[in-house]
Amino acid sequence: MDLAVANACFCSSDTSSSAKYPILSGIKLAISCAPSSLKRSLPELAGGVAAFSWPTLAFPRQLQTAIPGMEDKFALCLPSESLGVAFLGEGPFYFTSFPNLDLRSILSYTPLFRKHSNSLGYYIRINRISINGITIPLPSLKTGSVKLSTVIPYTKLRSDIFKAFVSSFSIATNRIPRLKSVQPFSLCLKSSAVGSVEKGFRVPKIDLETESGKIWTISGDNSMKRVGNGAACLAFVDGGLRMKDAIVIGTFQLENNFLFLDLGNQKLGFSSSLLARGTSCSSFNFSYVPEYD
C-alpha cells in the first residue's frame, strides 16, 4: 500500500472541566488508503485503523514528533459497552463521577519492554499467578513474555500454563454447579450461582504479580463471560504448546482497565478494574466538544 500525507486537527483536553482547550491544526500525518474489503472485520462505525505500536509511523509516535513538548506516552481504556477512550500525552485524566481524582494517582507500574528492535508489541513480565490468594505452581512463567493485545478477544495461555490455571480455578469454584462447556472455553458455571450482570460475578479473584511486585487483579467482570443458556464461562483459552509468548492478554480482560503506557521510560501503569471503584472506561469527563466549521 502507498503512503500519503494528510492534514489533521485535534482538540486538546485535560478532561477536568468545560474549559475550551486549543484546537491543534495543520498536523501532517502519514496515512495509507486500504480497500473496502479490509473494513469488513471492523466494528460497524469504524472508518479505519490507527496503529498504537512502537514504530515511528504509529499514530502516537507521529503526534509526539509533530507536537512540540508532547510526551511519548498514551493511555488506553477499552469499554465493555458504549464508548471507550484513548489519550495521547501526559494527562491528567479525570472521570465525570470523580471530578477531583486524577486517575494517574491510583495506578501501579511495572516495566514495559520491546522484544527486539523490530518488535511491534508491548510486553510485560509476570512473576506468579494466584487465585484466591493461592499461587499456581508455574515454574516456566518467569522466563516467558506476556503480551498485551487489542486484537484477540480473550486471553490466551500456553497449554502448560492454561491447564494449571483452569485446574486451580476449578478447585477454587468447586461448590458452584458446572454446565456443559461452550467453545472456545473449557470451564462453564451456572451463571445464577455466581451473580448478576448488575452486581458482577462473585468468583475468586485472579491476581497477576507483575515484575515490579505490583498486583494486577482480574475480577469476575473480566474473568467470566456470560454465554447464554444460564452459563457463564471462564474467559481464557488454550493457545497451544507452540505459543511464542507464555500469555497474551486479550481485550475482554482489558475492558474497564485503565492502561498508561510510558514509552519513553518503558513502563506500564495499570488500574485493575475500574468497576470496583464505581466507574468505567465510558465515564471520562468530556464536557467540552469543539465545533468545526
C-alpha atoms as a PDB file:
ATOM      1  CA  MET A   1       0.000   0.000   0.000  1.00  0.00           C
ATOM      2  CA  ASP A   2       1.182   3.525  -0.789  1.00  0.00           C
ATOM      3  CA  LEU A   3       1.629   6.145   1.916  1.00  0.00           C
ATOM      4  CA  ALA A   4       0.146   9.621   1.677  1.00  0.00           C
ATOM      5  CA  VAL A   5       0.294  12.704   3.884  1.00  0.00           C
ATOM      6  CA  ALA A   6      -2.867  14.270   5.295  1.00  0.00           C
ATOM      7  CA  ASN A   7      -3.502  17.372   7.386  1.00  0.00           C
ATOM      8  CA  ALA A   8      -5.325  16.722  10.644  1.00  0.00           C
ATOM      9  CA  CYS A   9      -6.620  18.729  13.587  1.00  0.00           C
ATOM     10  CA  PHE A  10      -7.148  17.668  17.189  1.00  0.00           C
ATOM     11  CA  CYS A  11      -8.777  19.101  20.293  1.00  0.00           C
ATOM     12  CA  SER A  12      -6.542  19.059  23.355  1.00  0.00           C
ATOM     13  CA  SER A  13      -8.103  18.489  26.772  1.00  0.00           C
ATOM     14  CA  ASP A  14      -7.206  17.512  30.325  1.00  0.00           C
ATOM     15  CA  THR A  15     -10.760  16.072  30.849  1.00  0.00           C
ATOM     16  CA  SER A  16     -11.099  18.130  34.028  1.00  0.00           C
ATOM     17  CA  SER A  17     -13.552  20.880  33.148  1.00  0.00           C
ATOM     18  CA  SER A  18     -15.575  22.591  30.468  1.00  0.00           C
ATOM     19  CA  ALA A  19     -12.753  24.979  29.660  1.00  0.00           C
ATOM     20  CA  LYS A  20     -12.039  25.431  25.975  1.00  0.00           C
ATOM     21  CA  TYR A  21      -8.693  23.943  25.098  1.00  0.00           C
ATOM     22  CA  PRO A  22      -6.919  24.851  21.871  1.00  0.00           C
ATOM     23  CA  ILE A  23      -7.573  23.037  18.641  1.00  0.00           C
ATOM     24  CA  LEU A  24      -4.303  21.799  17.190  1.00  0.00           C
ATOM     25  CA  SER A  25      -4.484  22.140  13.412  1.00  0.00           C
ATOM     26  CA  GLY A  26      -2.190  21.693  10.439  1.00  0.00           C
ATOM     27  CA  ILE A  27      -0.651  18.486  11.802  1.00  0.00           C
ATOM     28  CA  LYS A  28       0.644  16.308   8.999  1.00  0.00           C
ATOM     29  CA  LEU A  29       0.148  12.557   9.372  1.00  0.00           C
ATOM     30  CA  ALA A  30       1.325   9.698   7.176  1.00  0.00           C
ATOM     31  CA  ILE A  31      -1.680   7.581   6.202  1.00  0.00           C
ATOM     32  CA  SER A  32      -2.492   4.745   3.857  1.00  0.00           C
ATOM     33  CA  CYS A  33      -5.700   4.045   1.972  1.00  0.00           C
ATOM     34  CA  ALA A  34      -6.974   0.476   2.082  1.00  0.00           C
ATOM     35  CA  PRO A  35      -9.597  -1.374   0.004  1.00  0.00           C
ATOM     36  CA  SER A  36     -13.091  -1.525   1.482  1.00  0.00           C
ATOM     37  CA  SER A  37     -12.752  -5.298   1.864  1.00  0.00           C
ATOM     38  CA  LEU A  38     -10.339  -4.744   4.752  1.00  0.00           C
ATOM     39  CA  LYS A  39     -13.067  -2.947   6.719  1.00  0.00           C
ATOM     40  CA  ARG A  40     -15.345  -5.979   6.894  1.00  0.00           C
ATOM     41  CA  SER A  41     -13.754  -7.230  10.103  1.00  0.00           C
ATOM     42  CA  LEU A  42     -14.012  -3.820  11.804  1.00  0.00           C
ATOM     43  CA  PRO A  43     -16.877  -2.593  14.019  1.00  0.00           C
ATOM     44  CA  GLU A  44     -19.809  -1.095  12.136  1.00  0.00           C
ATOM     45  CA  LEU A  45     -18.953   2.582  12.657  1.00  0.00           C
ATOM     46  CA  ALA A  46     -15.190   2.236  12.260  1.00  0.00           C
ATOM     47  CA  GLY A  47     -13.661   4.219   9.430  1.00  0.00           C
ATOM     48  CA  GLY A  48     -10.148   2.809   9.689  1.00  0.00           C
ATOM     49  CA  VAL A  49      -7.391   1.602  11.973  1.00  0.00           C
ATOM     50  CA  ALA A  50      -4.795   3.610  13.896  1.00  0.00           C
ATOM     51  CA  ALA A  51      -1.620   1.800  14.933  1.00  0.00           C
ATOM     52  CA  PHE A  52      -0.566   2.289  18.564  1.00  0.00           C
ATOM     53  CA  SER A  53       2.630   0.244  18.349  1.00  0.00           C
ATOM     54  CA  TRP A  54       6.342   1.124  18.740  1.00  0.00           C
ATOM     55  CA  PRO A  55       7.363   2.240  15.186  1.00  0.00           C
ATOM     56  CA  THR A  56       7.682   5.892  14.223  1.00  0.00           C
ATOM     57  CA  LEU A  57       4.686   5.708  11.850  1.00  0.00           C
ATOM     58  CA  ALA A  58       2.353   4.609  14.668  1.00  0.00           C
ATOM     59  CA  PHE A  59      -0.286   7.217  15.484  1.00  0.00           C
ATOM     60  CA  PRO A  60       1.016   8.313  18.944  1.00  0.00           C
ATOM     61  CA  ARG A  61       4.601   8.462  17.699  1.00  0.00           C
ATOM     62  CA  GLN A  62       3.642  10.656  14.739  1.00  0.00           C
ATOM     63  CA  LEU A  63       1.851  13.122  17.015  1.00  0.00           C
ATOM     64  CA  GLN A  64       4.684  13.102  19.539  1.00  0.00           C
ATOM     65  CA  THR A  65       7.047  14.095  16.732  1.00  0.00           C
ATOM     66  CA  ALA A  66       4.698  16.742  15.283  1.00  0.00           C
ATOM     67  CA  ILE A  67       3.611  18.492  18.501  1.00  0.00           C
ATOM     68  CA  PRO A  68       6.371  20.264  20.472  1.00  0.00           C
ATOM     69  CA  GLY A  69       6.533  19.239  24.111  1.00  0.00           C
ATOM     70  CA  MET A  70       4.191  16.265  23.762  1.00  0.00           C
ATOM     71  CA  GLU A  71       5.260  13.376  25.982  1.00  0.00           C
ATOM     72  CA  ASP A  72       5.938   9.958  24.440  1.00  0.00           C
ATOM     73  CA  LYS A  73       3.039   8.417  26.337  1.00  0.00           C
ATOM     74  CA  PHE A  74      -0.520   7.311  25.714  1.00  0.00           C
ATOM     75  CA  ALA A  75      -3.411   5.879  27.710  1.00  0.00           C
ATOM     76  CA  LEU A  76      -5.992   3.332  26.643  1.00  0.00           C
ATOM     77  CA  CYS A  77      -9.290   2.433  28.281  1.00  0.00           C
ATOM     78  CA  LEU A  78     -11.437  -0.171  26.479  1.00  0.00           C
ATOM     79  CA  PRO A  79     -15.164  -0.214  27.312  1.00  0.00           C
ATOM     80  CA  SER A  80     -17.453  -3.164  27.926  1.00  0.00           C
ATOM     81  CA  GLU A  81     -20.252  -1.120  26.346  1.00  0.00           C
ATOM     82  CA  SER A  82     -20.747   2.364  24.917  1.00  0.00           C
ATOM     83  CA  LEU A  83     -17.524   4.217  24.009  1.00  0.00           C
ATOM     84  CA  GLY A  84     -14.038   3.908  25.444  1.00  0.00           C
ATOM     85  CA  VAL A  85     -11.182   6.361  25.144  1.00  0.00           C
ATOM     86  CA  ALA A  86      -7.539   6.810  24.202  1.00  0.00           C
ATOM     87  CA  PHE A  87      -5.408   9.742  25.369  1.00  0.00           C
ATOM     88  CA  LEU A  88      -2.152  10.870  23.831  1.00  0.00           C
ATOM     89  CA  GLY A  89       0.372  12.585  26.071  1.00  0.00           C
ATOM     90  CA  GLU A  90       0.827  13.044  29.790  1.00  0.00           C
ATOM     91  CA  GLY A  91      -2.623  13.704  31.265  1.00  0.00           C
ATOM     92  CA  PRO A  92      -4.174  14.427  33.794  1.00  0.00           C
ATOM     93  CA  PHE A  93      -7.184  12.096  33.459  1.00  0.00           C
ATOM     94  CA  TYR A  94     -10.486  12.694  35.257  1.00  0.00           C
ATOM     95  CA  PHE A  95     -13.814  10.869  35.493  1.00  0.00           C
ATOM     96  CA  THR A  96     -17.219  12.519  35.458  1.00  0.00           C
ATOM     97  CA  SER A  97     -18.076  10.583  38.643  1.00  0.00           C
ATOM     98  CA  PHE A  98     -14.804  11.581  40.400  1.00  0.00           C
ATOM     99  CA  PRO A  99     -14.069  15.119  39.189  1.00  0.00           C
ATOM    100  CA  ASN A 100     -11.217  15.712  41.642  1.00  0.00           C
ATOM    101  CA  LEU A 101      -9.393  12.395  41.187  1.00  0.00           C
ATOM    102  CA  ASP A 102      -6.569  12.271  38.654  1.00  0.00           C
ATOM    103  CA  LEU A 103      -6.561   8.647  37.560  1.00  0.00           C
ATOM    104  CA  ARG A 104      -2.756   8.565  37.476  1.00  0.00           C
ATOM    105  CA  SER A 105      -2.770   8.642  41.293  1.00  0.00           C
ATOM    106  CA  ILE A 106      -4.303   5.145  41.542  1.00  0.00           C
ATOM    107  CA  LEU A 107      -2.074   3.398  39.009  1.00  0.00           C
ATOM    108  CA  SER A 108       0.501   0.725  39.751  1.00  0.00           C
ATOM    109  CA  TYR A 109       3.548   0.444  37.495  1.00  0.00           C
ATOM    110  CA  THR A 110       5.683  -2.315  36.053  1.00  0.00           C
ATOM    111  CA  PRO A 111       8.424  -2.386  33.374  1.00  0.00           C
ATOM    112  CA  LEU A 112       7.240  -2.391  29.753  1.00  0.00           C
ATOM    113  CA  PHE A 113       9.556  -3.797  27.132  1.00  0.00           C
ATOM    114  CA  ARG A 114      10.025  -4.457  23.455  1.00  0.00           C
ATOM    115  CA  LYS A 115      11.249  -7.915  22.463  1.00  0.00           C
ATOM    116  CA  HIS A 116      13.641  -6.640  19.804  1.00  0.00           C
ATOM    117  CA  SER A 117      14.159  -3.578  17.597  1.00  0.00           C
ATOM    118  CA  ASN A 118      11.612  -4.747  15.003  1.00  0.00           C
ATOM    119  CA  SER A 119       9.000  -5.858  17.525  1.00  0.00           C
ATOM    120  CA  LEU A 120       5.596  -4.147  17.273  1.00  0.00           C
ATOM    121  CA  GLY A 121       4.003  -5.353  20.502  1.00  0.00           C
ATOM    122  CA  TYR A 122       4.054  -4.289  24.152  1.00  0.00           C
ATOM    123  CA  TYR A 123       5.269  -6.810  26.707  1.00  0.00           C
ATOM    124  CA  ILE A 124       5.472  -7.187  30.469  1.00  0.00           C
ATOM    125  CA  ARG A 125       6.681  -9.969  32.750  1.00  0.00           C
ATOM    126  CA  ILE A 126       4.678 -11.761  35.415  1.00  0.00           C
ATOM    127  CA  ASN A 127       6.233 -13.405  38.475  1.00  0.00           C
ATOM    128  CA  ARG A 128       3.261 -15.504  39.520  1.00  0.00           C
ATOM    129  CA  ILE A 129      -0.492 -16.038  39.170  1.00  0.00           C
ATOM    130  CA  SER A 130      -2.676 -16.537  42.230  1.00  0.00           C
ATOM    131  CA  ILE A 131      -6.324 -17.487  42.563  1.00  0.00           C
ATOM    132  CA  ASN A 132      -7.986 -16.607  45.859  1.00  0.00           C
ATOM    133  CA  GLY A 133      -4.531 -15.906  47.249  1.00  0.00           C
ATOM    134  CA  ILE A 134      -3.151 -19.353  46.382  1.00  0.00           C
ATOM    135  CA  THR A 135      -0.207 -19.313  43.966  1.00  0.00           C
ATOM    136  CA  ILE A 136      -0.410 -21.605  40.940  1.00  0.00           C
ATOM    137  CA  PRO A 137       2.841 -23.612  40.553  1.00  0.00           C
ATOM    138  CA  LEU A 138       4.175 -22.382  37.193  1.00  0.00           C
ATOM    139  CA  PRO A 139       7.997 -22.679  37.096  1.00  0.00           C
ATOM    140  CA  SER A 140       8.200 -21.572  33.448  1.00  0.00           C
ATOM    141  CA  LEU A 141       6.209 -18.368  33.905  1.00  0.00           C
ATOM    142  CA  LYS A 142       9.081 -16.071  34.917  1.00  0.00           C
ATOM    143  CA  THR A 143      11.033 -16.883  31.769  1.00  0.00           C
ATOM    144  CA  GLY A 144       8.104 -16.228  29.444  1.00  0.00           C
ATOM    145  CA  SER A 145       6.893 -12.938  28.000  1.00  0.00           C
ATOM    146  CA  VAL A 146       3.362 -11.591  28.452  1.00  0.00           C
ATOM    147  CA  LYS A 147       1.953  -9.622  25.528  1.00  0.00           C
ATOM    148  CA  LEU A 148      -0.815  -7.004  25.667  1.00  0.00           C
ATOM    149  CA  SER A 149      -3.204  -7.364  22.727  1.00  0.00           C
ATOM    150  CA  THR A 150      -6.150  -5.361  21.408  1.00  0.00           C
ATOM    151  CA  VAL A 151      -6.601  -7.876  18.595  1.00  0.00           C
ATOM    152  CA  ILE A 152      -7.550 -11.164  20.271  1.00  0.00           C
ATOM    153  CA  PRO A 153     -10.827 -11.178  22.243  1.00  0.00           C
ATOM    154  CA  TYR A 154      -9.821 -13.443  25.152  1.00  0.00           C
ATOM    155  CA  THR A 155      -6.554 -14.069  26.951  1.00  0.00           C
ATOM    156  CA  LYS A 156      -4.550 -16.984  25.561  1.00  0.00           C
ATOM    157  CA  LEU A 157      -2.285 -19.053  27.766  1.00  0.00           C
ATOM    158  CA  ARG A 158       0.308 -21.560  26.621  1.00  0.00           C
ATOM    159  CA  SER A 159      -1.061 -25.074  27.195  1.00  0.00           C
ATOM    160  CA  ASP A 160       1.042 -25.933  30.265  1.00  0.00           C
ATOM    161  CA  ILE A 161       0.000 -22.672  31.939  1.00  0.00           C
ATOM    162  CA  PHE A 162      -3.606 -22.982  30.779  1.00  0.00           C
ATOM    163  CA  LYS A 163      -4.095 -26.476  32.249  1.00  0.00           C
ATOM    164  CA  ALA A 164      -2.688 -25.482  35.642  1.00  0.00           C
ATOM    165  CA  PHE A 165      -4.698 -22.240  35.611  1.00  0.00           C
ATOM    166  CA  VAL A 166      -8.043 -23.863  34.793  1.00  0.00           C
ATOM    167  CA  SER A 167      -7.409 -26.663  37.290  1.00  0.00           C
ATOM    168  CA  SER A 168      -6.737 -24.134  40.069  1.00  0.00           C
ATOM    169  CA  PHE A 169      -9.807 -22.060  39.177  1.00  0.00           C
ATOM    170  CA  SER A 170     -11.930 -25.220  39.072  1.00  0.00           C
ATOM    171  CA  ILE A 171     -10.773 -26.195  42.570  1.00  0.00           C
ATOM    172  CA  ALA A 172     -11.473 -22.652  43.850  1.00  0.00           C
ATOM    173  CA  THR A 173     -15.043 -22.834  42.460  1.00  0.00           C
ATOM    174  CA  ASN A 174     -15.780 -26.483  43.260  1.00  0.00           C
ATOM    175  CA  ARG A 175     -19.009 -25.620  45.090  1.00  0.00           C
ATOM    176  CA  ILE A 176     -20.511 -23.848  42.071  1.00  0.00           C
ATOM    177  CA  PRO A 177     -22.602 -26.042  39.714  1.00  0.00           C
ATOM    178  CA  ARG A 178     -20.995 -26.824  36.359  1.00  0.00           C
ATOM    179  CA  LEU A 179     -22.619 -26.640  32.951  1.00  0.00           C
ATOM    180  CA  LYS A 180     -21.542 -28.016  29.585  1.00  0.00           C
ATOM    181  CA  SER A 181     -18.575 -26.116  28.187  1.00  0.00           C
ATOM    182  CA  VAL A 182     -19.119 -23.680  25.316  1.00  0.00           C
ATOM    183  CA  GLN A 183     -16.405 -23.134  22.721  1.00  0.00           C
ATOM    184  CA  PRO A 184     -13.815 -21.673  22.885  1.00  0.00           C
ATOM    185  CA  PHE A 185     -13.995 -22.020  26.679  1.00  0.00           C
ATOM    186  CA  SER A 186     -13.383 -25.148  28.737  1.00  0.00           C
ATOM    187  CA  LEU A 187     -14.937 -24.351  32.132  1.00  0.00           C
ATOM    188  CA  CYS A 188     -18.503 -23.051  32.450  1.00  0.00           C
ATOM    189  CA  LEU A 189     -20.507 -22.423  35.603  1.00  0.00           C
ATOM    190  CA  LYS A 190     -24.175 -21.888  36.363  1.00  0.00           C
ATOM    191  CA  SER A 191     -24.490 -18.118  35.954  1.00  0.00           C
ATOM    192  CA  SER A 192     -27.250 -17.678  38.548  1.00  0.00           C
ATOM    193  CA  ALA A 193     -24.897 -19.139  41.153  1.00  0.00           C
ATOM    194  CA  VAL A 194     -22.125 -16.614  40.511  1.00  0.00           C
ATOM    195  CA  GLY A 195     -24.028 -13.335  40.383  1.00  0.00           C
ATOM    196  CA  SER A 196     -25.907 -10.977  38.117  1.00  0.00           C
ATOM    197  CA  VAL A 197     -24.983  -8.601  35.315  1.00  0.00           C
ATOM    198  CA  GLU A 198     -25.753  -5.613  37.525  1.00  0.00           C
ATOM    199  CA  LYS A 199     -23.701  -6.712  40.546  1.00  0.00           C
ATOM    200  CA  GLY A 200     -20.950  -8.577  38.734  1.00  0.00           C
ATOM    201  CA  PHE A 201     -19.757 -12.148  39.098  1.00  0.00           C
ATOM    202  CA  ARG A 202     -18.914 -13.469  42.558  1.00  0.00           C
ATOM    203  CA  VAL A 203     -15.988 -15.702  41.686  1.00  0.00           C
ATOM    204  CA  PRO A 204     -12.431 -15.953  43.059  1.00  0.00           C
ATOM    205  CA  LYS A 205     -10.188 -13.080  42.032  1.00  0.00           C
ATOM    206  CA  ILE A 206      -7.179 -13.732  39.844  1.00  0.00           C
ATOM    207  CA  ASP A 207      -4.007 -11.854  40.808  1.00  0.00           C
ATOM    208  CA  LEU A 208      -1.124 -11.356  38.405  1.00  0.00           C
ATOM    209  CA  GLU A 209       2.024 -10.362  40.271  1.00  0.00           C
ATOM    210  CA  THR A 210       3.982  -8.269  37.792  1.00  0.00           C
ATOM    211  CA  GLU A 211       7.761  -7.941  37.532  1.00  0.00           C
ATOM    212  CA  SER A 212       7.703  -4.905  39.845  1.00  0.00           C
ATOM    213  CA  GLY A 213       5.818  -6.859  42.509  1.00  0.00           C
ATOM    214  CA  LYS A 214       2.619  -4.859  41.928  1.00  0.00           C
ATOM    215  CA  ILE A 215      -0.615  -6.825  41.599  1.00  0.00           C
ATOM    216  CA  TRP A 216      -2.906  -6.648  38.576  1.00  0.00           C
ATOM    217  CA  THR A 217      -6.231  -8.066  39.771  1.00  0.00           C
ATOM    218  CA  ILE A 218      -8.672  -9.678  37.346  1.00  0.00           C
ATOM    219  CA  SER A 219     -12.120  -9.662  38.927  1.00  0.00           C
ATOM    220  CA  GLY A 220     -15.214 -11.557  37.857  1.00  0.00           C
ATOM    221  CA  ASP A 221     -16.283  -8.979  35.291  1.00  0.00           C
ATOM    222  CA  ASN A 222     -13.065  -9.635  33.377  1.00  0.00           C
ATOM    223  CA  SER A 223     -12.742 -13.363  34.049  1.00  0.00           C
ATOM    224  CA  MET A 224     -16.272 -14.667  33.386  1.00  0.00           C
ATOM    225  CA  LYS A 225     -18.196 -14.381  30.121  1.00  0.00           C
ATOM    226  CA  ARG A 226     -21.962 -14.865  30.021  1.00  0.00           C
ATOM    227  CA  VAL A 227     -22.660 -17.129  27.016  1.00  0.00           C
ATOM    228  CA  GLY A 228     -26.419 -17.755  27.292  1.00  0.00           C
ATOM    229  CA  ASN A 229     -28.468 -20.789  28.381  1.00  0.00           C
ATOM    230  CA  GLY A 230     -27.729 -19.972  32.010  1.00  0.00           C
ATOM    231  CA  ALA A 231     -23.975 -20.383  31.658  1.00  0.00           C
ATOM    232  CA  ALA A 232     -21.004 -18.162  32.449  1.00  0.00           C
ATOM    233  CA  CYS A 233     -17.602 -19.384  31.285  1.00  0.00           C
ATOM    234  CA  LEU A 234     -14.039 -18.735  32.370  1.00  0.00           C
ATOM    235  CA  ALA A 235     -12.979 -16.439  29.518  1.00  0.00           C
ATOM    236  CA  PHE A 236      -9.460 -17.738  28.928  1.00  0.00           C
ATOM    237  CA  VAL A 237      -8.421 -20.008  26.064  1.00  0.00           C
ATOM    238  CA  ASP A 238      -5.737 -22.602  25.362  1.00  0.00           C
ATOM    239  CA  GLY A 239      -3.163 -21.178  22.953  1.00  0.00           C
ATOM    240  CA  GLY A 240      -1.343 -24.462  22.411  1.00  0.00           C
ATOM    241  CA  LEU A 241       2.195 -25.531  23.247  1.00  0.00           C
ATOM    242  CA  ARG A 242       3.841 -23.563  20.437  1.00  0.00           C
ATOM    243  CA  MET A 243       2.796 -20.088  21.528  1.00  0.00           C
ATOM    244  CA  LYS A 244       5.611 -17.561  21.085  1.00  0.00           C
ATOM    245  CA  ASP A 245       4.584 -15.889  24.340  1.00  0.00           C
ATOM    246  CA  ALA A 246       3.626 -17.508  27.621  1.00  0.00           C
ATOM    247  CA  ILE A 247       0.460 -15.374  27.814  1.00  0.00           C
ATOM    248  CA  VAL A 248      -1.305 -12.943  25.503  1.00  0.00           C
ATOM    249  CA  ILE A 249      -3.762 -10.744  27.417  1.00  0.00           C
ATOM    250  CA  GLY A 250      -6.855 -10.137  25.281  1.00  0.00           C
ATOM    251  CA  THR A 251      -9.407  -7.351  25.086  1.00  0.00           C
ATOM    252  CA  PHE A 252     -12.018  -8.934  27.380  1.00  0.00           C
ATOM    253  CA  GLN A 253      -9.533  -8.923  30.261  1.00  0.00           C
ATOM    254  CA  LEU A 254      -8.539  -5.322  29.397  1.00  0.00           C
ATOM    255  CA  GLU A 255     -12.090  -3.934  29.437  1.00  0.00           C
ATOM    256  CA  ASN A 256     -12.581  -1.156  32.008  1.00  0.00           C
ATOM    257  CA  ASN A 257      -8.896  -1.296  32.959  1.00  0.00           C
ATOM    258  CA  PHE A 258      -7.014   1.967  32.520  1.00  0.00           C
ATOM    259  CA  LEU A 259      -3.608   1.421  30.902  1.00  0.00           C
ATOM    260  CA  PHE A 260      -0.999   4.181  30.768  1.00  0.00           C
ATOM    261  CA  LEU A 261       1.942   3.373  28.508  1.00  0.00           C
ATOM    262  CA  ASP A 262       5.039   5.467  29.136  1.00  0.00           C
ATOM    263  CA  LEU A 263       7.165   4.611  26.119  1.00  0.00           C
ATOM    264  CA  GLY A 264       9.999   6.967  26.960  1.00  0.00           C
ATOM    265  CA  ASN A 265      10.578   5.391  30.381  1.00  0.00           C
ATOM    266  CA  GLN A 266       9.376   1.950  29.263  1.00  0.00           C
ATOM    267  CA  LYS A 267       6.823   1.356  31.989  1.00  0.00           C
ATOM    268  CA  LEU A 268       3.157   0.417  32.128  1.00  0.00           C
ATOM    269  CA  GLY A 269       0.662   1.933  34.545  1.00  0.00           C
ATOM    270  CA  PHE A 270      -2.435  -0.175  35.235  1.00  0.00           C
ATOM    271  CA  SER A 271      -5.518   0.309  37.382  1.00  0.00           C
ATOM    272  CA  SER A 272      -7.140  -3.153  37.602  1.00  0.00           C
ATOM    273  CA  SER A 273     -10.917  -2.993  37.078  1.00  0.00           C
ATOM    274  CA  LEU A 274     -12.460   0.471  37.311  1.00  0.00           C
ATOM    275  CA  LEU A 275     -15.839  -1.148  38.010  1.00  0.00           C
ATOM    276  CA  ALA A 276     -14.606  -1.937  41.519  1.00  0.00           C
ATOM    277  CA  ARG A 277     -14.271   1.844  42.003  1.00  0.00           C
ATOM    278  CA  GLY A 278     -17.800   2.507  40.780  1.00  0.00           C
ATOM    279  CA  THR A 279     -16.836   3.854  37.371  1.00  0.00           C
ATOM    280  CA  SER A 280     -15.842   2.618  33.907  1.00  0.00           C
ATOM    281  CA  CYS A 281     -13.979   3.461  30.717  1.00  0.00           C
ATOM    282  CA  SER A 282     -17.146   5.160  29.431  1.00  0.00           C
ATOM    283  CA  SER A 283     -17.173   7.728  32.268  1.00  0.00           C
ATOM    284  CA  PHE A 284     -14.496  10.239  31.339  1.00  0.00           C
ATOM    285  CA  ASN A 285     -15.311  13.943  31.508  1.00  0.00           C
ATOM    286  CA  PHE A 286     -15.591  15.365  28.003  1.00  0.00           C
ATOM    287  CA  SER A 287     -17.885  18.279  28.789  1.00  0.00           C
ATOM    288  CA  TYR A 288     -16.433  20.407  26.001  1.00  0.00           C
ATOM    289  CA  VAL A 289     -16.828  19.198  22.429  1.00  0.00           C
ATOM    290  CA  PRO A 290     -15.359  21.549  19.810  1.00  0.00           C
ATOM    291  CA  GLU A 291     -17.364  22.715  16.826  1.00  0.00           C
ATOM    292  CA  TYR A 292     -15.669  22.664  13.471  1.00  0.00           C
ATOM    293  CA  ASP A 293     -16.533  24.897  10.570  1.00  0.00           C
END
